[in-house]
Protein backbone atom coordinates (compact mmCIF):
# COMPACT_ATOMS: atom_id res chain seq x y z
CA MET A 1 34.44 -6.16 115.66
CA ARG A 2 35.10 -10.12 116.02
CA TYR A 3 37.98 -12.85 116.03
CA ALA A 4 37.02 -14.80 112.99
CA ASP A 5 36.56 -17.84 115.04
CA ASP A 6 34.83 -16.87 117.74
CA LYS A 7 32.12 -19.17 118.83
CA LEU A 8 30.59 -16.94 121.18
CA ALA A 9 30.41 -14.60 118.86
CA SER A 10 29.33 -16.80 115.57
CA GLU A 11 28.80 -15.62 112.27
CA ARG A 12 25.33 -16.63 112.55
CA HIS A 13 25.29 -13.90 115.67
CA MET A 14 27.29 -11.60 112.80
CA GLY A 15 24.29 -12.38 110.21
CA VAL A 16 21.45 -11.19 112.68
CA LEU A 17 22.99 -7.91 113.71
CA LYS A 18 24.01 -7.22 109.83
CA ASP A 19 19.89 -8.34 109.07
CA ALA A 20 18.81 -5.97 111.88
CA PHE A 21 21.21 -2.88 111.22
CA GLY A 22 21.69 -3.20 107.83
CA ASP A 23 24.27 -0.43 106.25
CA HIS A 24 24.41 1.08 109.93
CA LEU A 25 26.82 -1.43 111.08
CA GLU A 26 30.10 -2.05 110.50
CA THR A 27 32.02 -5.20 110.96
CA VAL A 28 35.83 -6.18 111.39
CA GLU A 29 36.88 -9.62 111.97
CA PHE A 30 40.59 -10.59 113.16
CA ASP A 31 42.13 -13.89 112.83
CA GLY A 32 41.43 -15.64 115.81
CA ASN A 33 39.82 -18.02 118.18
CA ASP A 34 39.31 -15.58 121.07
CA HIS A 35 36.46 -13.84 122.04
CA SER A 36 36.68 -10.93 124.10
CA LEU A 37 38.86 -7.63 121.35
CA LEU A 38 38.79 -5.48 124.14
CA THR A 39 39.29 -7.36 127.55
CA LEU A 40 40.88 -10.51 128.31
CA ASP A 41 41.87 -11.19 124.81
CA PHE A 42 43.02 -7.88 124.32
CA HIS A 43 43.64 -6.83 120.59
CA GLN A 44 45.81 -3.55 120.42
CA PRO A 45 44.81 -3.34 116.42
CA ALA A 46 40.84 -3.27 117.95
CA TYR A 47 41.54 -1.05 120.47
CA GLN A 48 43.09 1.50 118.26
CA ARG A 49 40.30 1.27 115.59
CA VAL A 50 37.64 2.23 118.66
CA GLN A 51 39.81 4.81 119.32
CA ASP A 52 40.35 6.19 116.54
CA TYR A 53 36.07 5.76 115.53
CA PHE A 54 35.94 8.31 118.52
CA ARG A 55 38.39 10.24 117.87
CA ALA A 56 36.68 11.34 114.64
CA LEU A 57 33.29 11.37 116.52
CA CYS A 58 34.19 13.98 119.22
CA PRO A 59 37.08 15.59 118.02
CA GLY A 60 39.18 17.11 120.65
CA ARG A 61 36.51 15.62 123.74
CA ILE A 62 38.60 12.13 123.88
CA ALA A 63 40.44 11.37 126.53
CA TYR A 64 43.21 9.42 125.73
CA ASN A 65 45.83 6.87 127.53
CA PRO A 66 48.78 6.17 125.24
CA SER A 67 49.31 2.62 127.05
CA PRO A 68 46.17 0.60 126.94
CA SER A 69 46.82 -2.64 129.09
CA LEU A 70 44.86 -5.76 129.11
CA THR A 71 42.39 -4.73 131.79
CA HIS A 72 41.00 -1.49 129.45
CA SER A 73 37.34 -2.30 128.37
CA LEU A 74 34.88 -0.47 125.75
CA LEU A 75 33.53 1.18 128.83
CA GLN A 76 36.97 2.63 129.74
CA ALA A 77 37.36 3.75 126.39
CA LEU A 78 33.72 5.56 126.44
CA THR A 79 34.06 7.06 129.60
CA ARG A 80 34.95 10.54 128.61
CA ILE A 81 33.29 10.64 125.49
CA CYS A 82 31.23 14.11 124.36
């Protein structure tokens, strides 16, 4: 996931990842030019997408905080997985 106009995770960088992982990589772009969807530039729909992904991957085995704050990071979301 990235913001469409993110200068740090540019489209060129994403292209390299897409080439490396092919069909095994699913990418999603959100409007904006910030960088960190899950930390400093927190984006609730991105957080929800990650949470839904891991819930489907490990049904019944993911902890959930119904009120994620700006300080949540991807690592916090993953700490109680499987």
